Structure formats: structure tokens, C-alpha cells
Amino acid sequence: MTSPPRRWARAERLDAARMLDALHAETGVRLTLDGPCPGGQVGAAHVRRPDRRRSVRHFTPS
């Protein structure tokens, strides 16, 4: 038995720079954007912390 194809709404592309600016304004912590995560993860980006360690930051819509 096959189901009809699902028509998922397209996810809005992450504006990571804007989100990092908002995070800085809210918390005082400055993260540096390294770039988007590969593989279509539109809600995540590679960032550097103030101590220069690399992390992945996941963003969710508000």
C-alpha cells in the first residue's frame, strides 16, 4: 500500500547573522558566524564562542 506524496511547506532559510545579533543584544554574548550547517539544516549554523571554540547553534522561530 502506498500513501500519496506529502507536500511539506518549505522551511524559511535561517538568517544566522541577524539571529546572532539578536542573541548578543539579549544576552551580551558575542558569537561569530562560521557558516551554515551542511545537509539542508536550515535552522542551524556553525559558530565560534568568545573563547574561539567551535559549536553548532540551533535556532527556532519565535
N, C-alpha and C. Protein backbone atom coordinates (compact mmCIF):
# COMPACT_ATOMS: atom_id res chain seq x y z
N MET A 1 0.84 -1.16 0.00
CA MET A 1 0.00 0.00 0.00
C MET A 1 0.89 1.24 0.00
N THR A 2 0.60 2.17 -0.85
CA THR A 2 1.39 3.41 -0.90
C THR A 2 0.51 4.59 -0.53
N SER A 3 1.12 5.53 0.13
CA SER A 3 0.43 6.75 0.51
C SER A 3 0.69 7.82 -0.53
N PRO A 4 -0.23 8.76 -0.66
CA PRO A 4 0.04 9.86 -1.59
C PRO A 4 1.21 10.69 -1.08
N PRO A 5 1.98 11.30 -1.98
CA PRO A 5 3.13 12.10 -1.53
C PRO A 5 2.69 13.27 -0.65
N ARG A 6 3.48 13.53 0.38
CA ARG A 6 3.18 14.66 1.28
C ARG A 6 3.75 15.93 0.69
N ARG A 7 3.05 16.98 0.89
CA ARG A 7 3.53 18.29 0.40
C ARG A 7 3.88 19.13 1.61
N TRP A 8 5.14 19.05 1.99
CA TRP A 8 5.63 19.78 3.16
C TRP A 8 5.87 21.23 2.78
N ALA A 9 5.55 22.11 3.69
CA ALA A 9 5.86 23.53 3.46
C ALA A 9 7.37 23.71 3.50
N ARG A 10 7.88 24.54 2.65
CA ARG A 10 9.31 24.80 2.61
C ARG A 10 9.71 25.63 3.83
N ALA A 11 10.79 25.23 4.48
CA ALA A 11 11.27 25.94 5.67
C ALA A 11 11.92 27.26 5.25
N GLU A 12 11.71 28.27 6.08
CA GLU A 12 12.33 29.56 5.83
C GLU A 12 13.83 29.46 6.10
N ARG A 13 14.64 30.02 5.22
CA ARG A 13 16.08 29.97 5.37
C ARG A 13 16.51 30.81 6.57
N LEU A 14 17.44 30.30 7.32
CA LEU A 14 17.96 30.95 8.52
C LEU A 14 18.77 32.20 8.16
N ASP A 15 18.47 33.29 8.83
CA ASP A 15 19.31 34.48 8.75
C ASP A 15 20.16 34.48 10.02
N ALA A 16 21.22 33.67 10.00
CA ALA A 16 22.03 33.44 11.19
C ALA A 16 22.66 34.72 11.72
N ALA A 17 23.12 35.59 10.84
CA ALA A 17 23.75 36.83 11.29
C ALA A 17 22.77 37.67 12.09
N ARG A 18 21.54 37.78 11.62
CA ARG A 18 20.51 38.54 12.34
C ARG A 18 20.19 37.90 13.68
N MET A 19 20.12 36.56 13.69
CA MET A 19 19.83 35.85 14.93
C MET A 19 20.96 36.02 15.95
N LEU A 20 22.22 36.00 15.47
CA LEU A 20 23.35 36.19 16.38
C LEU A 20 23.38 37.61 16.94
N ASP A 21 22.99 38.59 16.12
CA ASP A 21 22.89 39.97 16.61
C ASP A 21 21.82 40.07 17.70
N ALA A 22 20.68 39.41 17.48
CA ALA A 22 19.61 39.43 18.48
C ALA A 22 20.05 38.73 19.77
N LEU A 23 20.76 37.62 19.62
CA LEU A 23 21.27 36.91 20.79
C LEU A 23 22.23 37.78 21.58
N HIS A 24 23.11 38.50 20.87
CA HIS A 24 24.06 39.40 21.52
C HIS A 24 23.33 40.53 22.25
N ALA A 25 22.31 41.09 21.61
CA ALA A 25 21.55 42.18 22.24
C ALA A 25 20.84 41.69 23.50
N GLU A 26 20.37 40.46 23.49
CA GLU A 26 19.61 39.92 24.62
C GLU A 26 20.51 39.45 25.76
N THR A 27 21.66 38.84 25.43
CA THR A 27 22.49 38.19 26.45
C THR A 27 23.84 38.85 26.69
N GLY A 28 24.31 39.64 25.72
CA GLY A 28 25.64 40.22 25.82
C GLY A 28 26.75 39.29 25.35
N VAL A 29 26.40 38.08 24.94
CA VAL A 29 27.38 37.11 24.45
C VAL A 29 27.52 37.28 22.95
N ARG A 30 28.75 37.43 22.47
CA ARG A 30 29.00 37.62 21.04
C ARG A 30 29.53 36.31 20.46
N LEU A 31 28.74 35.69 19.57
CA LEU A 31 29.18 34.51 18.83
C LEU A 31 29.51 34.97 17.41
N THR A 32 30.52 34.34 16.81
CA THR A 32 30.93 34.66 15.46
C THR A 32 30.43 33.58 14.52
N LEU A 33 29.81 33.98 13.44
CA LEU A 33 29.27 33.04 12.46
C LEU A 33 30.38 32.44 11.62
N ASP A 34 30.47 31.09 11.61
CA ASP A 34 31.42 30.38 10.75
C ASP A 34 30.76 29.94 9.45
N GLY A 35 29.46 29.71 9.48
CA GLY A 35 28.73 29.32 8.28
C GLY A 35 27.60 28.37 8.59
N PRO A 36 26.76 28.11 7.59
CA PRO A 36 25.62 27.23 7.79
C PRO A 36 26.05 25.77 7.92
N CYS A 37 25.22 24.98 8.57
CA CYS A 37 25.46 23.54 8.63
C CYS A 37 25.09 22.91 7.29
N PRO A 38 25.84 21.92 6.84
CA PRO A 38 25.53 21.27 5.57
C PRO A 38 24.34 20.33 5.72
N GLY A 39 23.82 19.87 4.62
CA GLY A 39 22.77 18.86 4.64
C GLY A 39 21.37 19.41 4.79
N GLY A 40 21.16 20.67 4.48
CA GLY A 40 19.82 21.21 4.50
C GLY A 40 19.29 21.59 5.86
N GLN A 41 20.14 21.66 6.86
CA GLN A 41 19.68 22.05 8.19
C GLN A 41 19.53 23.57 8.23
N VAL A 42 18.36 24.05 7.85
CA VAL A 42 18.17 25.49 7.71
C VAL A 42 18.08 26.22 9.04
N GLY A 43 17.95 25.49 10.16
CA GLY A 43 17.85 26.13 11.46
C GLY A 43 19.09 26.02 12.31
N ALA A 44 20.23 25.71 11.70
CA ALA A 44 21.47 25.54 12.47
C ALA A 44 22.64 26.17 11.73
N ALA A 45 23.60 26.64 12.52
CA ALA A 45 24.79 27.25 11.95
C ALA A 45 26.00 26.94 12.83
N HIS A 46 27.17 26.88 12.21
CA HIS A 46 28.42 26.75 12.95
C HIS A 46 28.80 28.14 13.44
N VAL A 47 29.14 28.22 14.73
CA VAL A 47 29.53 29.49 15.34
C VAL A 47 30.79 29.29 16.16
N ARG A 48 31.46 30.39 16.47
CA ARG A 48 32.60 30.37 17.38
C ARG A 48 32.21 31.15 18.62
N ARG A 49 32.54 30.57 19.77
CA ARG A 49 32.29 31.22 21.05
C ARG A 49 33.38 32.25 21.32
N PRO A 50 33.21 33.08 22.34
CA PRO A 50 34.25 34.07 22.66
C PRO A 50 35.62 33.44 22.93
N ASP A 51 35.65 32.18 23.42
CA ASP A 51 36.93 31.51 23.65
C ASP A 51 37.46 30.82 22.40
N ARG A 52 36.81 31.04 21.25
CA ARG A 52 37.19 30.54 19.91
C ARG A 52 36.85 29.07 19.66
N ARG A 53 36.19 28.40 20.63
CA ARG A 53 35.76 27.02 20.37
C ARG A 53 34.60 27.05 19.40
N ARG A 54 34.56 26.04 18.53
CA ARG A 54 33.51 25.94 17.52
C ARG A 54 32.33 25.16 18.08
N SER A 55 31.14 25.62 17.76
CA SER A 55 29.90 24.98 18.21
C SER A 55 28.87 25.03 17.10
N VAL A 56 27.78 24.31 17.28
CA VAL A 56 26.63 24.41 16.41
C VAL A 56 25.52 25.07 17.22
N ARG A 57 24.93 26.10 16.66
CA ARG A 57 23.84 26.80 17.32
C ARG A 57 22.57 26.53 16.54
N HIS A 58 21.56 26.01 17.23
CA HIS A 58 20.26 25.74 16.62
C HIS A 58 19.33 26.90 16.93
N PHE A 59 18.65 27.36 15.93
CA PHE A 59 17.73 28.47 16.10
C PHE A 59 16.32 27.99 15.83
N THR A 60 15.37 28.45 16.62
CA THR A 60 13.98 28.12 16.42
C THR A 60 13.20 29.41 16.22
N PRO A 61 12.17 29.36 15.40
CA PRO A 61 11.38 30.58 15.18
C PRO A 61 10.70 31.02 16.46
N SER A 62 10.54 32.31 16.62
CA SER A 62 9.87 32.82 17.83
C SER A 62 8.40 33.06 17.56
